[in-house]
Amino acid sequence: NILGGLDRPSSGRLTHRGEDLSGADEAELTLFRR
């Protein structure tokens, strides 16, 4: 769920092709999933 942007980690860092998703807001995560 964290890999797919359905949930957020409490700590740590997730990147998609080098782009940091850790601080993405809901709109940005929705665009990533879509």
PDB file of all heavy atoms in Angstrom:
ATOM      1  N   ASN A   1       0.816  -1.214   0.000  1.00  0.00           N
ATOM      2  CA  ASN A   1       0.000   0.000   0.000  1.00  0.00           C
ATOM      3  C   ASN A   1       0.852   1.267   0.000  1.00  0.00           C
ATOM      4  O   ASN A   1       0.495   2.267  -0.628  1.00  0.00           O
ATOM      5  CB  ASN A   1      -0.939  -0.002   1.206  1.00  0.00           C
ATOM      6  CG  ASN A   1      -2.055  -1.008   1.072  1.00  0.00           C
ATOM      7  OD1 ASN A   1      -2.378  -1.461  -0.024  1.00  0.00           O
ATOM      8  ND2 ASN A   1      -2.657  -1.375   2.188  1.00  0.00           N
ATOM      9  N   ILE A   2       1.982   1.224   0.691  1.00  0.00           N
ATOM     10  CA  ILE A   2       2.888   2.372   0.681  1.00  0.00           C
ATOM     11  C   ILE A   2       3.527   2.524  -0.697  1.00  0.00           C
ATOM     12  O   ILE A   2       3.623   3.634  -1.242  1.00  0.00           O
ATOM     13  CB  ILE A   2       3.951   2.228   1.781  1.00  0.00           C
ATOM     14  CG1 ILE A   2       3.305   2.413   3.166  1.00  0.00           C
ATOM     15  CG2 ILE A   2       5.088   3.235   1.585  1.00  0.00           C
ATOM     16  CD1 ILE A   2       4.234   2.134   4.328  1.00  0.00           C
ATOM     17  N   LEU A   3       3.954   1.414  -1.300  1.00  0.00           N
ATOM     18  CA  LEU A   3       4.549   1.475  -2.634  1.00  0.00           C
ATOM     19  C   LEU A   3       3.582   2.065  -3.650  1.00  0.00           C
ATOM     20  O   LEU A   3       3.989   2.788  -4.564  1.00  0.00           O
ATOM     21  CB  LEU A   3       4.979   0.076  -3.088  1.00  0.00           C
ATOM     22  CG  LEU A   3       6.106  -0.596  -2.298  1.00  0.00           C
ATOM     23  CD1 LEU A   3       6.296  -2.024  -2.786  1.00  0.00           C
ATOM     24  CD2 LEU A   3       7.404   0.188  -2.429  1.00  0.00           C
ATOM     25  N   GLY A   4       2.285   1.762  -3.493  1.00  0.00           N
ATOM     26  CA  GLY A   4       1.299   2.239  -4.444  1.00  0.00           C
ATOM     27  C   GLY A   4       0.695   3.581  -4.123  1.00  0.00           C
ATOM     28  O   GLY A   4      -0.186   4.055  -4.850  1.00  0.00           O
ATOM     29  N   GLY A   5       1.145   4.222  -3.058  1.00  0.00           N
ATOM     30  CA  GLY A   5       0.616   5.533  -2.705  1.00  0.00           C
ATOM     31  C   GLY A   5      -0.761   5.500  -2.089  1.00  0.00           C
ATOM     32  O   GLY A   5      -1.440   6.531  -2.014  1.00  0.00           O
ATOM     33  N   LEU A   6      -1.188   4.313  -1.611  1.00  0.00           N
ATOM     34  CA  LEU A   6      -2.466   4.214  -0.909  1.00  0.00           C
ATOM     35  C   LEU A   6      -2.316   4.542   0.573  1.00  0.00           C
ATOM     36  O   LEU A   6      -3.305   4.837   1.245  1.00  0.00           O
ATOM     37  CB  LEU A   6      -3.047   2.802  -1.055  1.00  0.00           C
ATOM     38  CG  LEU A   6      -3.523   2.399  -2.453  1.00  0.00           C
ATOM     39  CD1 LEU A   6      -3.945   0.940  -2.453  1.00  0.00           C
ATOM     40  CD2 LEU A   6      -4.654   3.293  -2.929  1.00  0.00           C
ATOM     41  N   ASP A   7      -1.099   4.431   1.072  1.00  0.00           N
ATOM     42  CA  ASP A   7      -0.804   4.731   2.468  1.00  0.00           C
ATOM     43  C   ASP A   7       0.528   5.465   2.509  1.00  0.00           C
ATOM     44  O   ASP A   7       1.303   5.437   1.540  1.00  0.00           O
ATOM     45  CB  ASP A   7      -0.742   3.427   3.279  1.00  0.00           C
ATOM     46  CG  ASP A   7      -0.817   3.643   4.779  1.00  0.00           C
ATOM     47  OD1 ASP A   7      -1.021   4.804   5.204  1.00  0.00           O
ATOM     48  OD2 ASP A   7      -0.662   2.663   5.534  1.00  0.00           O
ATOM     49  N   ARG A   8       0.796   6.108   3.628  1.00  0.00           N
ATOM     50  CA  ARG A   8       2.037   6.857   3.798  1.00  0.00           C
ATOM     51  C   ARG A   8       2.876   6.200   4.895  1.00  0.00           C
ATOM     52  O   ARG A   8       2.330   5.727   5.894  1.00  0.00           O
ATOM     53  CB  ARG A   8       1.749   8.294   4.224  1.00  0.00           C
ATOM     54  CG  ARG A   8       0.916   9.105   3.250  1.00  0.00           C
ATOM     55  CD  ARG A   8       0.508  10.409   3.919  1.00  0.00           C
ATOM     56  NE  ARG A   8      -0.339  11.204   3.077  1.00  0.00           N
ATOM     57  CZ  ARG A   8       0.111  12.087   2.185  1.00  0.00           C
ATOM     58  NH1 ARG A   8       1.412  12.256   2.037  1.00  0.00           N
ATOM     59  NH2 ARG A   8      -0.735  12.787   1.446  1.00  0.00           N
ATOM     60  N   PRO A   9       4.187   6.189   4.737  1.00  0.00           N
ATOM     61  CA  PRO A   9       5.028   5.697   5.832  1.00  0.00           C
ATOM     62  C   PRO A   9       5.036   6.676   6.994  1.00  0.00           C
ATOM     63  O   PRO A   9       4.927   7.890   6.806  1.00  0.00           O
ATOM     64  CB  PRO A   9       6.415   5.583   5.191  1.00  0.00           C
ATOM     65  CG  PRO A   9       6.402   6.594   4.095  1.00  0.00           C
ATOM     66  CD  PRO A   9       4.994   6.635   3.586  1.00  0.00           C
ATOM     67  N   SER A  10       5.127   6.143   8.207  1.00  0.00           N
ATOM     68  CA  SER A  10       5.299   7.005   9.379  1.00  0.00           C
ATOM     69  C   SER A  10       6.675   7.650   9.366  1.00  0.00           C
ATOM     70  O   SER A  10       6.860   8.777   9.847  1.00  0.00           O
ATOM     71  CB  SER A  10       5.118   6.193  10.663  1.00  0.00           C
ATOM     72  OG  SER A  10       3.854   5.572  10.689  1.00  0.00           O
ATOM     73  N   SER A  11       7.646   6.925   8.821  1.00  0.00           N
ATOM     74  CA  SER A  11       8.988   7.468   8.630  1.00  0.00           C
ATOM     75  C   SER A  11       9.652   6.696   7.497  1.00  0.00           C
ATOM     76  O   SER A  11       9.168   5.645   7.072  1.00  0.00           O
ATOM     77  CB  SER A  11       9.822   7.362   9.916  1.00  0.00           C
ATOM     78  OG  SER A  11       9.973   6.005  10.308  1.00  0.00           O
ATOM     79  N   GLY A  12      10.751   7.226   7.014  1.00  0.00           N
ATOM     80  CA  GLY A  12      11.428   6.613   5.879  1.00  0.00           C
ATOM     81  C   GLY A  12      11.137   7.395   4.609  1.00  0.00           C
ATOM     82  O   GLY A  12      10.414   8.396   4.606  1.00  0.00           O
ATOM     83  N   ARG A  13      11.703   6.914   3.499  1.00  0.00           N
ATOM     84  CA  ARG A  13      11.648   7.651   2.239  1.00  0.00           C
ATOM     85  C   ARG A  13      11.253   6.712   1.105  1.00  0.00           C
ATOM     86  O   ARG A  13      11.805   5.618   0.967  1.00  0.00           O
ATOM     87  CB  ARG A  13      13.015   8.275   1.954  1.00  0.00           C
ATOM     88  CG  ARG A  13      13.082   9.206   0.763  1.00  0.00           C
ATOM     89  CD  ARG A  13      14.393   9.989   0.799  1.00  0.00           C
ATOM     90  NE  ARG A  13      14.507  10.917  -0.325  1.00  0.00           N
ATOM     91  CZ  ARG A  13      15.228  10.672  -1.422  1.00  0.00           C
ATOM     92  NH1 ARG A  13      15.909   9.535  -1.520  1.00  0.00           N
ATOM     93  NH2 ARG A  13      15.280  11.564  -2.398  1.00  0.00           N
ATOM     94  N   LEU A  14      10.283   7.142   0.303  1.00  0.00           N
ATOM     95  CA  LEU A  14       9.874   6.403  -0.888  1.00  0.00           C
ATOM     96  C   LEU A  14      10.101   7.293  -2.100  1.00  0.00           C
ATOM     97  O   LEU A  14       9.681   8.453  -2.123  1.00  0.00           O
ATOM     98  CB  LEU A  14       8.394   6.021  -0.804  1.00  0.00           C
ATOM     99  CG  LEU A  14       7.832   5.304  -2.040  1.00  0.00           C
ATOM    100  CD1 LEU A  14       8.444   3.911  -2.183  1.00  0.00           C
ATOM    101  CD2 LEU A  14       6.311   5.219  -1.964  1.00  0.00           C
ATOM    102  N   THR A  15      10.781   6.751  -3.119  1.00  0.00           N
ATOM    103  CA  THR A  15      11.013   7.514  -4.338  1.00  0.00           C
ATOM    104  C   THR A  15      10.516   6.736  -5.543  1.00  0.00           C
ATOM    105  O   THR A  15      10.579   5.501  -5.591  1.00  0.00           O
ATOM    106  CB  THR A  15      12.509   7.854  -4.540  1.00  0.00           C
ATOM    107  OG1 THR A  15      13.262   6.624  -4.601  1.00  0.00           O
ATOM    108  CG2 THR A  15      13.031   8.707  -3.404  1.00  0.00           C
ATOM    109  N   HIS A  16      10.015   7.475  -6.515  1.00  0.00           N
ATOM    110  CA  HIS A  16       9.603   6.922  -7.807  1.00  0.00           C
ATOM    111  C   HIS A  16      10.538   7.487  -8.865  1.00  0.00           C
ATOM    112  O   HIS A  16      10.511   8.684  -9.148  1.00  0.00           O
ATOM    113  CB  HIS A  16       8.152   7.291  -8.110  1.00  0.00           C
ATOM    114  CG  HIS A  16       7.745   7.001  -9.528  1.00  0.00           C
ATOM    115  ND1 HIS A  16       7.377   7.970 -10.419  1.00  0.00           N
ATOM    116  CD2 HIS A  16       7.696   5.823 -10.210  1.00  0.00           C
ATOM    117  CE1 HIS A  16       7.098   7.425 -11.581  1.00  0.00           C
ATOM    118  NE2 HIS A  16       7.285   6.124 -11.490  1.00  0.00           N
ATOM    119  N   ARG A  17      11.401   6.632  -9.397  1.00  0.00           N
ATOM    120  CA  ARG A  17      12.415   7.045 -10.373  1.00  0.00           C
ATOM    121  C   ARG A  17      13.169   8.290  -9.891  1.00  0.00           C
ATOM    122  O   ARG A  17      13.373   9.245 -10.635  1.00  0.00           O
ATOM    123  CB  ARG A  17      11.794   7.271 -11.745  1.00  0.00           C
ATOM    124  CG  ARG A  17      11.235   5.995 -12.371  1.00  0.00           C
ATOM    125  CD  ARG A  17      10.978   6.137 -13.842  1.00  0.00           C
ATOM    126  NE  ARG A  17      10.511   4.897 -14.434  1.00  0.00           N
ATOM    127  CZ  ARG A  17      11.293   3.905 -14.887  1.00  0.00           C
ATOM    128  NH1 ARG A  17      12.607   4.012 -14.775  1.00  0.00           N
ATOM    129  NH2 ARG A  17      10.767   2.823 -15.427  1.00  0.00           N
ATOM    130  N   GLY A  18      13.527   8.262  -8.624  1.00  0.00           N
ATOM    131  CA  GLY A  18      14.309   9.333  -8.035  1.00  0.00           C
ATOM    132  C   GLY A  18      13.512  10.490  -7.477  1.00  0.00           C
ATOM    133  O   GLY A  18      14.066  11.352  -6.795  1.00  0.00           O
ATOM    134  N   GLU A  19      12.225  10.539  -7.760  1.00  0.00           N
ATOM    135  CA  GLU A  19      11.382  11.629  -7.256  1.00  0.00           C
ATOM    136  C   GLU A  19      10.807  11.241  -5.897  1.00  0.00           C
ATOM    137  O   GLU A  19      10.169  10.191  -5.750  1.00  0.00           O
ATOM    138  CB  GLU A  19      10.239  11.915  -8.227  1.00  0.00           C
ATOM    139  CG  GLU A  19       9.340  13.053  -7.775  1.00  0.00           C
ATOM    140  CD  GLU A  19       8.220  13.332  -8.755  1.00  0.00           C
ATOM    141  OE1 GLU A  19       8.248  12.773  -9.874  1.00  0.00           O
ATOM    142  OE2 GLU A  19       7.300  14.097  -8.395  1.00  0.00           O
ATOM    143  N   ASP A  20      11.027  12.087  -4.902  1.00  0.00           N
ATOM    144  CA  ASP A  20      10.607  11.786  -3.537  1.00  0.00           C
ATOM    145  C   ASP A  20       9.089  11.911  -3.400  1.00  0.00           C
ATOM    146  O   ASP A  20       8.507  12.957  -3.689  1.00  0.00           O
ATOM    147  CB  ASP A  20      11.303  12.749  -2.569  1.00  0.00           C
ATOM    148  CG  ASP A  20      11.174  12.315  -1.116  1.00  0.00           C
ATOM    149  OD1 ASP A  20      10.424  11.364  -0.834  1.00  0.00           O
ATOM    150  OD2 ASP A  20      11.842  12.917  -0.262  1.00  0.00           O
ATOM    151  N   LEU A  21       8.451  10.794  -2.971  1.00  0.00           N
ATOM    152  CA  LEU A  21       7.010  10.799  -2.740  1.00  0.00           C
ATOM    153  C   LEU A  21       6.667  10.931  -1.263  1.00  0.00           C
ATOM    154  O   LEU A  21       5.482  11.002  -0.917  1.00  0.00           O
ATOM    155  CB  LEU A  21       6.388   9.505  -3.278  1.00  0.00           C
ATOM    156  CG  LEU A  21       6.457   9.263  -4.785  1.00  0.00           C
ATOM    157  CD1 LEU A  21       5.865   7.897  -5.111  1.00  0.00           C
ATOM    158  CD2 LEU A  21       5.749  10.349  -5.558  1.00  0.00           C
ATOM    159  N   SER A  22       7.676  10.960  -0.420  1.00  0.00           N
ATOM    160  CA  SER A  22       7.427  10.902   1.023  1.00  0.00           C
ATOM    161  C   SER A  22       6.589  12.074   1.517  1.00  0.00           C
ATOM    162  O   SER A  22       5.753  11.922   2.415  1.00  0.00           O
ATOM    163  CB  SER A  22       8.758  10.862   1.781  1.00  0.00           C
ATOM    164  OG  SER A  22       9.567   9.803   1.311  1.00  0.00           O
ATOM    165  N   GLY A  23       6.790  13.230   0.924  1.00  0.00           N
ATOM    166  CA  GLY A  23       6.041  14.402   1.367  1.00  0.00           C
ATOM    167  C   GLY A  23       4.901  14.791   0.451  1.00  0.00           C
ATOM    168  O   GLY A  23       4.351  15.890   0.579  1.00  0.00           O
ATOM    169  N   ALA A  24       4.537  13.884  -0.472  1.00  0.00           N
ATOM    170  CA  ALA A  24       3.483  14.204  -1.435  1.00  0.00           C
ATOM    171  C   ALA A  24       2.139  14.367  -0.734  1.00  0.00           C
ATOM    172  O   ALA A  24       1.822  13.625   0.207  1.00  0.00           O
ATOM    173  CB  ALA A  24       3.391  13.108  -2.494  1.00  0.00           C
ATOM    174  N   ASP A  25       1.337  15.328  -1.213  1.00  0.00           N
ATOM    175  CA  ASP A  25       0.000  15.480  -0.654  1.00  0.00           C
ATOM    176  C   ASP A  25      -0.968  14.548  -1.380  1.00  0.00           C
ATOM    177  O   ASP A  25      -0.579  13.825  -2.314  1.00  0.00           O
ATOM    178  CB  ASP A  25      -0.459  16.942  -0.713  1.00  0.00           C
ATOM    179  CG  ASP A  25      -0.528  17.496  -2.138  1.00  0.00           C
ATOM    180  OD1 ASP A  25      -0.677  16.712  -3.094  1.00  0.00           O
ATOM    181  OD2 ASP A  25      -0.438  18.731  -2.285  1.00  0.00           O
ATOM    182  N   GLU A  26      -2.230  14.546  -0.977  1.00  0.00           N
ATOM    183  CA  GLU A  26      -3.196  13.599  -1.531  1.00  0.00           C
ATOM    184  C   GLU A  26      -3.368  13.793  -3.033  1.00  0.00           C
ATOM    185  O   GLU A  26      -3.498  12.819  -3.786  1.00  0.00           O
ATOM    186  CB  GLU A  26      -4.544  13.732  -0.819  1.00  0.00           C
ATOM    187  CG  GLU A  26      -4.592  13.076   0.548  1.00  0.00           C
ATOM    188  CD  GLU A  26      -4.247  11.591   0.500  1.00  0.00           C
ATOM    189  OE1 GLU A  26      -4.653  10.909  -0.466  1.00  0.00           O
ATOM    190  OE2 GLU A  26      -3.560  11.106   1.411  1.00  0.00           O
ATOM    191  N   ALA A  27      -3.402  15.047  -3.483  1.00  0.00           N
ATOM    192  CA  ALA A  27      -3.566  15.305  -4.918  1.00  0.00           C
ATOM    193  C   ALA A  27      -2.389  14.741  -5.707  1.00  0.00           C
ATOM    194  O   ALA A  27      -2.572  14.140  -6.780  1.00  0.00           O
ATOM    195  CB  ALA A  27      -3.714  16.800  -5.168  1.00  0.00           C
ATOM    196  N   GLU A  28      -1.180  14.905  -5.193  1.00  0.00           N
ATOM    197  CA  GLU A  28       0.010  14.392  -5.878  1.00  0.00           C
ATOM    198  C   GLU A  28       0.037  12.869  -5.885  1.00  0.00           C
ATOM    199  O   GLU A  28       0.407  12.245  -6.888  1.00  0.00           O
ATOM    200  CB  GLU A  28       1.267  14.948  -5.212  1.00  0.00           C
ATOM    201  CG  GLU A  28       1.452  16.454  -5.434  1.00  0.00           C
ATOM    202  CD  GLU A  28       2.502  17.065  -4.527  1.00  0.00           C
ATOM    203  OE1 GLU A  28       2.708  16.556  -3.404  1.00  0.00           O
ATOM    204  OE2 GLU A  28       3.128  18.056  -4.953  1.00  0.00           O
ATOM    205  N   LEU A  29      -0.375  12.248  -4.780  1.00  0.00           N
ATOM    206  CA  LEU A  29      -0.429  10.788  -4.739  1.00  0.00           C
ATOM    207  C   LEU A  29      -1.494  10.253  -5.694  1.00  0.00           C
ATOM    208  O   LEU A  29      -1.315   9.206  -6.327  1.00  0.00           O
ATOM    209  CB  LEU A  29      -0.705  10.304  -3.311  1.00  0.00           C
ATOM    210  CG  LEU A  29       0.455  10.451  -2.322  1.00  0.00           C
ATOM    211  CD1 LEU A  29       0.014   9.997  -0.928  1.00  0.00           C
ATOM    212  CD2 LEU A  29       1.677   9.664  -2.773  1.00  0.00           C
ATOM    213  N   THR A  30      -2.613  10.964  -5.799  1.00  0.00           N
ATOM    214  CA  THR A  30      -3.660  10.552  -6.736  1.00  0.00           C
ATOM    215  C   THR A  30      -3.133  10.584  -8.166  1.00  0.00           C
ATOM    216  O   THR A  30      -3.371   9.654  -8.952  1.00  0.00           O
ATOM    217  CB  THR A  30      -4.890  11.464  -6.604  1.00  0.00           C
ATOM    218  OG1 THR A  30      -5.431  11.321  -5.293  1.00  0.00           O
ATOM    219  CG2 THR A  30      -5.962  11.095  -7.631  1.00  0.00           C
ATOM    220  N   LEU A  31      -2.414  11.623  -8.522  1.00  0.00           N
ATOM    221  CA  LEU A  31      -1.831  11.715  -9.863  1.00  0.00           C
ATOM    222  C   LEU A  31      -0.808  10.604 -10.093  1.00  0.00           C
ATOM    223  O   LEU A  31      -0.740  10.028 -11.184  1.00  0.00           O
ATOM    224  CB  LEU A  31      -1.189  13.084 -10.061  1.00  0.00           C
ATOM    225  CG  LEU A  31      -2.155  14.268 -10.205  1.00  0.00           C
ATOM    226  CD1 LEU A  31      -1.380  15.574 -10.257  1.00  0.00           C
ATOM    227  CD2 LEU A  31      -3.026  14.111 -11.447  1.00  0.00           C
ATOM    228  N   PHE A  32       0.001  10.308  -9.073  1.00  0.00           N
ATOM    229  CA  PHE A  32       0.979   9.220  -9.177  1.00  0.00           C
ATOM    230  C   PHE A  32       0.274   7.888  -9.441  1.00  0.00           C
ATOM    231  O   PHE A  32       0.642   7.146 -10.357  1.00  0.00           O
ATOM    232  CB  PHE A  32       1.799   9.144  -7.884  1.00  0.00           C
ATOM    233  CG  PHE A  32       2.558   7.857  -7.702  1.00  0.00           C
ATOM    234  CD1 PHE A  32       3.625   7.539  -8.533  1.00  0.00           C
ATOM    235  CD2 PHE A  32       2.204   6.961  -6.695  1.00  0.00           C
ATOM    236  CE1 PHE A  32       4.327   6.348  -8.371  1.00  0.00           C
ATOM    237  CE2 PHE A  32       2.895   5.778  -6.529  1.00  0.00           C
ATOM    238  CZ  PHE A  32       3.952   5.465  -7.367  1.00  0.00           C
ATOM    239  N   ARG A  33      -0.771   7.597  -8.650  1.00  0.00           N
ATOM    240  CA  ARG A  33      -1.494   6.336  -8.841  1.00  0.00           C
ATOM    241  C   ARG A  33      -2.147   6.281 -10.218  1.00  0.00           C
ATOM    242  O   ARG A  33      -2.099   5.255 -10.902  1.00  0.00           O
ATOM    243  CB  ARG A  33      -2.559   6.173  -7.754  1.00  0.00           C
ATOM    244  CG  ARG A  33      -2.011   5.984  -6.357  1.00  0.00           C
ATOM    245  CD  ARG A  33      -3.103   5.548  -5.396  1.00  0.00           C
ATOM    246  NE  ARG A  33      -4.184   6.523  -5.281  1.00  0.00           N
ATOM    247  CZ  ARG A  33      -4.253   7.467  -4.351  1.00  0.00           C
ATOM    248  NH1 ARG A  33      -3.264   7.581  -3.459  1.00  0.00           N
ATOM    249  NH2 ARG A  33      -5.274   8.299  -4.304  1.00  0.00           N
ATOM    250  N   ARG A  34      -2.760   7.382 -10.612  1.00  0.00           N
ATOM    251  CA  ARG A  34      -3.487   7.396 -11.889  1.00  0.00           C
ATOM    252  C   ARG A  34      -2.551   7.189 -13.070  1.00  0.00           C
ATOM    253  O   ARG A  34      -2.871   6.475 -14.025  1.00  0.00           O
ATOM    254  CB  ARG A  34      -4.236   8.720 -12.029  1.00  0.00           C
ATOM    255  CG  ARG A  34      -5.080   8.826 -13.291  1.00  0.00           C
ATOM    256  CD  ARG A  34      -5.825  10.147 -13.334  1.00  0.00           C
ATOM    257  NE  ARG A  34      -6.780  10.265 -12.235  1.00  0.00           N
ATOM    258  CZ  ARG A  34      -7.466  11.366 -11.968  1.00  0.00           C
ATOM    259  NH1 ARG A  34      -7.291  12.455 -12.696  1.00  0.00           N
ATOM    260  NH2 ARG A  34      -8.322  11.391 -10.971  1.00  0.00           N
TER     261      ARG A  34
END
